[in-house]
Amino acid sequence: MRVILKVCATVLVGGFVLVPPVSAQAIDDTPIDPIAVENGSAGWFPSIYGPDDQLGSLNEVTPRKTMEAWRLIKPNKNRPIKSYNLGEVMEQGINAFGTRVYEQTRVGPIPGPDFGGDNDIVGVEERINTTYQIATQVDGLPHIGVRSVFYNGFTAADLMADGPSGVAVLGQEHVNPFVTRGVLLDVLAVKMKQNDGSALGEPINGRPVLRDSYRITVEDLQDAMEFGGIKEITPGDVVIIRTGWSALYGTDASQRAKYIGLEPGIYLREARWLAQFRPAIVASDAPALEVLPAPAPWTGLQLFPVHQELLTHHGIRIGEAFNSEELSADRVYEFVFFYTPQRGKGATASNTAPAALGQPARQKPTK
């Protein structure tokens, strides 16, 4: 029987409810020690959810958590319920890291006279060459490791045990659809309100953005909580950070390098601060969540350490390219989040579009 351990005590600090860290760890930028992680002395394993766990912080999305999320929707004729698609459009030539591509080829319709049956049926479908690690996506726990180990101490050998078609442990087949509370930390809106020129970049296609490689700080996240009236981040939440980087998403080749190489985002201190609340997902509208490249003095030396901290250490999934523009425009900072991932056996991610239900702060006037 899998044992799930939970930390229940909370501490109120500066108006925010803090859940004690899942391990004794300073909330700072201290680099990860790969050797200590691999030999176990870093104390990353076993998971607080038990030595056999393959879900990580998704364990926090309990039936009670789901019911609490639904209660966010209140009967109010002046604030009708609205659904939000948080996914970006998938098409040929979209932004992607490395050799990742999205190629879609139409099959059909077949021209006459080769219709099928007496009813002359005809059909159209497509063939796709791609990866789940593209466009709007949720990184799964087997995506990133430290040396030879992955979440909960599973090793590279464990992942490769079933052959080349996928991973043998931690795969997407373990992830069911879920509904939970979502919160939007609108860092871009805060910086615009503050008229913070050090944080804002040149508008892209007329849309505001944080500047290239802007490091989002813990203080920025706290300011965004206050801005959105978010009193606390609780276990099982989905936290979405808005940078405006959705303005760069698409097929424009001139914006491709900037989108995937100079993005604003969090670093280790922020990842560790967020991890203490045990969210189900930490997401951003940028393609990798974390600031790229790593800030000085780690520029060029640290490669995606936030992914290691959240995925490998804490079992917290990472959401990438979550489009939060409509949520921001409607000033919806707390909402019902729901997700139905692909159940690709042995897959390392899912790129079905996430969605939200919320109530706009103010209905647009009607003519």
Protein backbone atom coordinates (compact mmCIF):
# COMPACT_ATOMS: atom_id res chain seq x y z
CA MET A 1 0.00 0.00 0.00
CA ARG A 2 1.39 3.39 -0.96
CA VAL A 3 1.81 5.68 2.04
CA ILE A 4 1.06 9.37 1.54
CA LEU A 5 2.62 11.71 4.06
CA LYS A 6 1.38 15.28 4.33
CA VAL A 7 2.59 18.32 6.27
CA CYS A 8 -0.40 20.08 7.75
CA ALA A 9 0.92 22.90 9.95
CA THR A 10 0.90 26.40 8.48
CA VAL A 11 2.54 29.66 9.51
CA LEU A 12 1.20 33.15 8.80
CA VAL A 13 3.96 35.50 7.65
CA GLY A 14 3.35 38.97 6.27
CA GLY A 15 -0.24 38.21 5.40
CA PHE A 16 0.64 35.05 3.44
CA VAL A 17 -0.05 31.52 4.60
CA LEU A 18 3.19 29.59 4.34
CA VAL A 19 3.23 25.81 4.24
CA PRO A 20 6.42 24.41 5.77
CA PRO A 21 8.99 23.30 3.18
CA VAL A 22 8.90 19.64 2.21
CA SER A 23 12.58 19.40 3.07
CA ALA A 24 15.08 21.44 5.05
CA GLN A 25 16.25 23.80 2.31
CA ALA A 26 17.18 27.44 2.16
CA ILE A 27 15.02 29.50 -0.17
CA ASP A 28 17.85 30.96 -2.21
CA ASP A 29 19.80 30.49 -5.44
CA THR A 30 22.29 27.92 -4.15
CA PRO A 31 23.12 25.72 -7.16
CA ILE A 32 22.03 22.09 -7.13
CA ASP A 33 24.78 19.62 -6.23
CA PRO A 34 24.38 16.81 -8.80
CA ILE A 35 26.65 14.36 -6.98
CA ALA A 36 24.78 14.86 -3.70
CA VAL A 37 21.47 14.30 -5.48
CA GLU A 38 22.73 11.13 -7.13
CA ASN A 39 24.26 9.59 -4.00
CA GLY A 40 21.27 10.52 -1.85
CA SER A 41 22.99 12.89 0.53
CA ALA A 42 20.93 15.85 -0.75
CA GLY A 43 17.85 14.27 0.83
CA TRP A 44 15.65 14.61 -2.24
CA PHE A 45 14.37 11.04 -2.05
CA PRO A 46 12.12 9.32 -1.15
CA SER A 47 9.22 11.61 -1.91
CA ILE A 48 6.96 12.82 0.89
CA TYR A 49 4.24 10.85 -0.90
CA GLY A 50 6.03 7.55 -0.41
CA PRO A 51 8.95 5.66 -2.01
CA ASP A 52 6.84 4.23 -4.86
CA ASP A 53 4.96 7.40 -5.76
CA GLN A 54 4.75 8.38 -9.44
CA LEU A 55 2.37 11.35 -9.22
CA GLY A 56 4.24 13.95 -7.18
CA SER A 57 2.25 16.96 -6.06
CA LEU A 58 -0.76 15.87 -8.12
CA ASN A 59 -1.49 13.82 -4.98
CA GLU A 60 -2.67 17.13 -3.51
CA VAL A 61 -5.59 17.31 -5.97
CA THR A 62 -7.97 15.32 -3.80
CA PRO A 63 -11.78 15.10 -4.20
CA ARG A 64 -12.05 17.68 -1.44
CA LYS A 65 -9.65 20.00 -3.30
CA THR A 66 -11.75 19.65 -6.44
CA MET A 67 -14.98 20.47 -4.58
CA GLU A 68 -13.34 23.53 -3.04
CA ALA A 69 -12.30 24.66 -6.52
CA TRP A 70 -15.86 24.40 -7.85
CA ARG A 71 -17.05 26.59 -4.97
CA LEU A 72 -15.05 29.47 -6.47
CA ILE A 73 -17.92 29.93 -8.92
CA LYS A 74 -20.61 32.06 -7.29
CA PRO A 75 -24.13 32.79 -8.61
CA ASN A 76 -23.96 36.37 -9.87
CA LYS A 77 -26.00 37.65 -12.82
CA ASN A 78 -23.54 40.52 -13.26
CA ARG A 79 -20.58 38.13 -13.50
CA PRO A 80 -21.58 35.27 -15.79
CA ILE A 81 -19.37 32.20 -15.95
CA LYS A 82 -16.91 32.17 -18.82
CA SER A 83 -14.64 29.44 -20.14
CA TYR A 84 -11.04 30.17 -21.08
CA ASN A 85 -8.83 28.22 -23.47
CA LEU A 86 -5.28 28.50 -22.15
CA GLY A 87 -3.68 26.67 -25.07
CA GLU A 88 -1.76 28.15 -27.99
CA VAL A 89 -2.59 27.11 -31.56
CA MET A 90 -0.52 24.26 -33.01
CA GLU A 91 0.51 24.76 -36.63
CA GLN A 92 3.43 24.29 -38.99
CA GLY A 93 6.44 26.41 -38.09
CA ILE A 94 5.55 27.20 -34.47
CA ASN A 95 8.31 28.06 -32.02
CA ALA A 96 10.14 25.04 -30.63
CA PHE A 97 13.37 24.16 -28.85
CA GLY A 98 16.13 22.29 -30.68
CA THR A 99 15.01 19.80 -33.32
CA ARG A 100 11.39 19.66 -32.19
CA VAL A 101 8.89 20.20 -34.98
CA TYR A 102 5.18 20.14 -35.59
CA GLU A 103 4.39 18.78 -39.03
CA GLN A 104 0.81 18.11 -40.05
CA THR A 105 -0.22 16.67 -43.42
CA ARG A 106 -3.79 16.41 -44.61
CA VAL A 107 -5.03 13.03 -45.83
CA GLY A 108 -8.11 13.36 -48.05
CA PRO A 109 -10.73 14.15 -49.02
CA ILE A 110 -10.55 11.53 -51.73
CA PRO A 111 -11.94 12.89 -55.00
CA GLY A 112 -14.62 10.89 -56.85
CA PRO A 113 -15.41 8.45 -58.23
CA ASP A 114 -13.84 6.48 -55.32
CA PHE A 115 -16.50 7.32 -52.75
CA GLY A 116 -17.33 4.59 -50.24
CA GLY A 117 -20.51 2.54 -50.30
CA ASP A 118 -23.84 3.39 -51.79
CA ASN A 119 -23.96 6.46 -49.53
CA ASP A 120 -20.78 7.93 -51.13
CA ILE A 121 -19.00 8.55 -47.82
CA VAL A 122 -15.84 10.65 -47.93
CA GLY A 123 -13.46 11.58 -45.12
CA VAL A 124 -10.51 13.76 -44.13
CA GLU A 125 -7.86 13.24 -41.47
CA GLU A 126 -4.22 14.08 -40.90
CA ARG A 127 -0.81 12.62 -40.22
CA ILE A 128 1.29 14.29 -37.52
CA ASN A 129 5.03 14.25 -36.81
CA THR A 130 5.73 15.94 -33.50
CA THR A 131 6.40 15.53 -29.79
CA TYR A 132 4.28 16.18 -26.71
CA GLN A 133 7.11 18.54 -25.71
CA ILE A 134 5.93 21.35 -27.96
CA ALA A 135 3.56 24.33 -27.85
CA THR A 136 1.35 24.53 -24.74
CA GLN A 137 2.45 21.61 -22.61
CA VAL A 138 2.71 20.17 -19.13
CA ASP A 139 6.08 18.59 -18.44
CA GLY A 140 5.79 15.23 -16.75
CA LEU A 141 8.06 13.89 -14.03
CA PRO A 142 10.28 11.76 -16.30
CA HIS A 143 11.20 14.73 -18.49
CA ILE A 144 14.17 16.03 -16.48
CA GLY A 145 16.61 14.41 -14.08
CA VAL A 146 19.88 15.06 -12.27
CA ARG A 147 22.70 12.85 -13.53
CA SER A 148 21.24 9.31 -13.42
CA VAL A 149 18.23 10.00 -11.17
CA PHE A 150 14.74 11.34 -11.67
CA TYR A 151 11.79 12.12 -9.38
CA ASN A 152 11.57 9.95 -6.25
CA GLY A 153 14.92 8.32 -6.94
CA PHE A 154 13.86 6.44 -10.05
CA THR A 155 16.95 5.92 -12.20
CA ALA A 156 17.62 6.21 -15.90
CA ALA A 157 17.80 2.41 -15.95
CA ASP A 158 14.30 2.28 -14.44
CA LEU A 159 13.00 4.59 -17.14
CA MET A 160 14.56 2.55 -19.96
CA ALA A 161 13.48 -0.88 -18.69
CA ASP A 162 10.63 -1.40 -21.17
CA GLY A 163 12.46 -0.61 -24.40
CA PRO A 164 12.62 2.44 -26.67
CA SER A 165 8.91 3.27 -27.08
CA GLY A 166 8.65 5.24 -23.84
CA VAL A 167 9.58 5.36 -20.17
CA ALA A 168 8.74 2.42 -17.93
CA VAL A 169 7.97 4.57 -14.87
CA LEU A 170 6.57 8.07 -14.28
CA GLY A 171 4.80 8.12 -17.67
CA GLN A 172 1.66 10.00 -18.63
CA GLU A 173 -0.54 6.92 -18.29
CA HIS A 174 -0.52 7.53 -14.53
CA VAL A 175 -2.10 11.00 -14.87
CA ASN A 176 -5.89 11.23 -14.87
CA PRO A 177 -8.01 14.28 -15.74
CA PHE A 178 -8.26 16.67 -12.81
CA VAL A 179 -10.01 19.82 -11.65
CA THR A 180 -8.43 22.16 -9.11
CA ARG A 181 -8.01 25.79 -8.10
CA GLY A 182 -6.02 28.02 -10.42
CA VAL A 183 -4.40 31.36 -9.65
CA LEU A 184 -2.96 33.94 -12.03
CA LEU A 185 0.08 35.88 -10.87
CA ASP A 186 -0.02 38.76 -13.34
CA VAL A 187 3.53 40.03 -12.98
CA LEU A 188 3.31 41.96 -16.24
CA ALA A 189 0.22 43.89 -15.10
CA VAL A 190 1.94 44.75 -11.82
CA LYS A 191 5.00 46.11 -13.62
CA MET A 192 2.80 48.12 -15.96
CA LYS A 193 0.91 49.59 -13.01
CA GLN A 194 4.22 50.47 -11.35
CA ASN A 195 5.54 51.87 -14.65
CA ASP A 196 8.70 49.87 -13.95
CA GLY A 197 10.94 50.60 -16.91
CA SER A 198 13.60 48.22 -15.62
CA ALA A 199 11.20 45.30 -15.99
CA LEU A 200 9.29 46.19 -19.17
CA GLY A 201 10.52 45.54 -22.68
CA GLU A 202 9.66 47.08 -26.02
CA PRO A 203 6.10 46.12 -27.01
CA ILE A 204 5.79 43.16 -29.38
CA ASN A 205 3.19 43.58 -32.10
CA GLY A 206 1.74 46.38 -29.98
CA ARG A 207 1.44 44.17 -26.90
CA PRO A 208 3.29 44.79 -23.62
CA VAL A 209 5.90 42.30 -22.43
CA LEU A 210 8.47 41.91 -19.71
CA ARG A 211 11.94 42.64 -21.02
CA ASP A 212 14.30 40.05 -22.39
CA SER A 213 15.62 37.68 -19.69
CA TYR A 214 13.89 39.57 -16.86
CA ARG A 215 14.36 37.69 -13.58
CA ILE A 216 11.00 37.44 -11.82
CA THR A 217 11.67 37.62 -8.09
CA VAL A 218 9.85 36.28 -5.04
CA GLU A 219 8.88 39.85 -4.31
CA ASP A 220 7.37 40.17 -7.79
CA LEU A 221 5.28 37.06 -7.14
CA GLN A 222 4.13 38.44 -3.79
CA ASP A 223 3.24 41.76 -5.43
CA ALA A 224 1.22 39.86 -8.04
CA MET A 225 -0.64 37.99 -5.30
CA GLU A 226 -1.55 41.28 -3.65
CA PHE A 227 -2.53 42.79 -7.01
CA GLY A 228 -4.88 39.90 -7.75
CA GLY A 229 -6.27 39.58 -4.24
CA ILE A 230 -4.73 36.13 -3.84
CA LYS A 231 -4.34 35.59 -0.10
CA GLU A 232 -2.58 32.24 -0.31
CA ILE A 233 -1.24 29.52 -2.55
CA THR A 234 -2.44 26.15 -1.32
CA PRO A 235 -1.43 22.53 -2.01
CA GLY A 236 -2.77 21.27 -5.33
CA ASP A 237 -3.19 24.73 -6.90
CA VAL A 238 -2.14 25.52 -10.46
CA VAL A 239 -0.07 28.71 -10.44
CA ILE A 240 0.19 30.60 -13.75
CA ILE A 241 2.67 33.46 -14.15
CA ARG A 242 2.00 36.06 -16.85
CA THR A 243 4.94 37.72 -18.62
CA GLY A 244 3.28 38.76 -21.90
CA TRP A 245 5.54 36.37 -23.82
CA SER A 246 2.50 34.97 -25.66
CA ALA A 247 2.95 37.97 -27.97
CA LEU A 248 5.98 36.18 -29.46
CA TYR A 249 4.28 32.84 -30.00
CA GLY A 250 3.61 31.82 -33.59
CA THR A 251 5.41 31.23 -36.85
CA ASP A 252 7.43 34.45 -37.19
CA ALA A 253 11.00 33.26 -37.73
CA SER A 254 12.45 36.61 -36.62
CA GLN A 255 10.86 36.20 -33.17
CA ARG A 256 11.66 32.52 -32.76
CA ALA A 257 15.16 32.89 -31.26
CA LYS A 258 13.99 35.52 -28.80
CA TYR A 259 10.98 33.46 -27.72
CA ILE A 260 13.03 30.40 -26.79
CA GLY A 261 16.28 32.03 -25.71
CA LEU A 262 15.67 35.33 -23.92
CA GLU A 263 12.55 34.68 -21.94
CA PRO A 264 11.63 36.27 -18.61
CA GLY A 265 10.97 33.88 -15.77
CA ILE A 266 11.74 32.64 -12.30
CA TYR A 267 14.98 31.16 -10.99
CA LEU A 268 15.86 28.81 -8.13
CA ARG A 269 14.90 31.07 -5.23
CA GLU A 270 11.43 31.55 -6.69
CA ALA A 271 11.05 27.86 -7.54
CA ARG A 272 11.93 26.92 -3.96
CA TRP A 273 9.58 29.55 -2.56
CA LEU A 274 6.72 28.21 -4.68
CA ALA A 275 7.58 24.58 -3.96
CA GLN A 276 6.88 25.00 -0.25
CA PHE A 277 3.17 25.42 -1.09
CA ARG A 278 3.15 22.14 -3.07
CA PRO A 279 1.22 23.34 -6.15
CA ALA A 280 0.20 20.74 -8.72
CA ILE A 281 1.65 22.81 -11.57
CA VAL A 282 3.73 25.97 -11.84
CA ALA A 283 3.18 27.46 -15.29
CA SER A 284 4.01 30.47 -17.40
CA ASP A 285 3.06 31.94 -20.77
CA ALA A 286 6.73 31.59 -21.77
CA PRO A 287 8.09 28.34 -23.26
CA ALA A 288 10.26 27.17 -20.37
CA LEU A 289 8.97 28.93 -17.19
CA GLU A 290 12.46 29.80 -15.99
CA VAL A 291 14.50 32.84 -16.95
CA LEU A 292 16.72 32.23 -19.98
CA PRO A 293 19.61 32.37 -19.95
CA ALA A 294 20.33 31.79 -16.27
CA PRO A 295 21.16 35.04 -14.44
CA ALA A 296 24.72 36.03 -13.53
CA PRO A 297 26.94 34.54 -12.22
CA TRP A 298 25.43 31.29 -13.52
CA THR A 299 24.89 32.37 -17.15
CA GLY A 300 26.16 29.61 -19.41
CA LEU A 301 26.89 27.35 -16.42
CA GLN A 302 23.40 26.34 -15.28
CA LEU A 303 21.02 24.70 -17.76
CA PHE A 304 17.35 24.56 -16.72
CA PRO A 305 17.97 24.11 -12.96
CA VAL A 306 14.40 25.23 -12.16
CA HIS A 307 13.17 22.16 -14.06
CA GLN A 308 15.38 19.98 -11.86
CA GLU A 309 14.21 21.71 -8.69
CA LEU A 310 10.50 21.46 -9.43
CA LEU A 311 10.22 18.20 -11.40
CA THR A 312 13.01 16.07 -9.96
CA HIS A 313 13.16 17.34 -6.39
CA HIS A 314 9.55 18.19 -5.58
CA GLY A 315 7.49 16.31 -8.16
CA ILE A 316 5.82 19.56 -9.26
CA ARG A 317 4.88 19.65 -12.92
CA ILE A 318 5.79 22.59 -15.14
CA GLY A 319 3.35 24.25 -17.51
CA GLU A 320 4.76 26.02 -20.54
CA ALA A 321 3.18 28.42 -23.06
CA PHE A 322 -0.04 28.75 -21.03
CA ASN A 323 -1.83 31.66 -22.69
CA SER A 324 -3.25 33.81 -19.89
CA GLU A 325 -4.03 36.96 -21.88
CA GLU A 326 -7.81 36.58 -21.71
CA LEU A 327 -7.74 35.84 -17.99
CA SER A 328 -5.71 39.00 -17.46
CA ALA A 329 -7.98 41.11 -19.65
CA ASP A 330 -11.00 39.96 -17.64
CA ARG A 331 -9.12 40.39 -14.33
CA VAL A 332 -9.74 36.78 -13.38
CA TYR A 333 -7.03 35.92 -10.88
CA GLU A 334 -8.67 32.93 -9.19
CA PHE A 335 -10.51 30.30 -11.20
CA VAL A 336 -11.39 26.66 -11.71
CA PHE A 337 -8.62 24.94 -13.65
CA PHE A 338 -9.19 21.68 -15.47
CA TYR A 339 -6.99 19.45 -17.56
CA THR A 340 -7.43 16.23 -19.53
CA PRO A 341 -3.97 15.02 -20.57
CA GLN A 342 -3.13 12.55 -23.28
CA ARG A 343 -2.60 9.10 -21.81
CA GLY A 344 0.41 8.23 -23.92
CA LYS A 345 1.99 5.21 -22.27
CA GLY A 346 5.53 6.12 -21.34
CA ALA A 347 5.14 9.73 -22.54
CA THR A 348 7.07 12.51 -20.81
CA ALA A 349 4.54 15.30 -21.28
CA SER A 350 1.09 16.24 -22.50
CA ASN A 351 0.18 19.09 -24.84
CA THR A 352 -3.58 19.08 -24.77
CA ALA A 353 -4.87 22.58 -24.12
CA PRO A 354 -5.64 23.38 -20.48
CA ALA A 355 -8.76 25.36 -19.67
CA ALA A 356 -10.33 27.47 -16.95
CA LEU A 357 -13.73 28.55 -15.73
CA GLY A 358 -13.96 31.97 -14.20
CA GLN A 359 -16.11 35.04 -13.73
CA PRO A 360 -14.92 38.28 -15.32
CA ALA A 361 -14.50 41.10 -12.84
CA ARG A 362 -16.69 43.38 -14.91
CA GLN A 363 -19.02 42.59 -17.77
CA LYS A 364 -18.49 44.59 -20.92
CA PRO A 365 -21.33 47.04 -21.58
CA THR A 366 -23.89 45.94 -24.17
CA LYS A 367 -25.41 48.18 -26.81
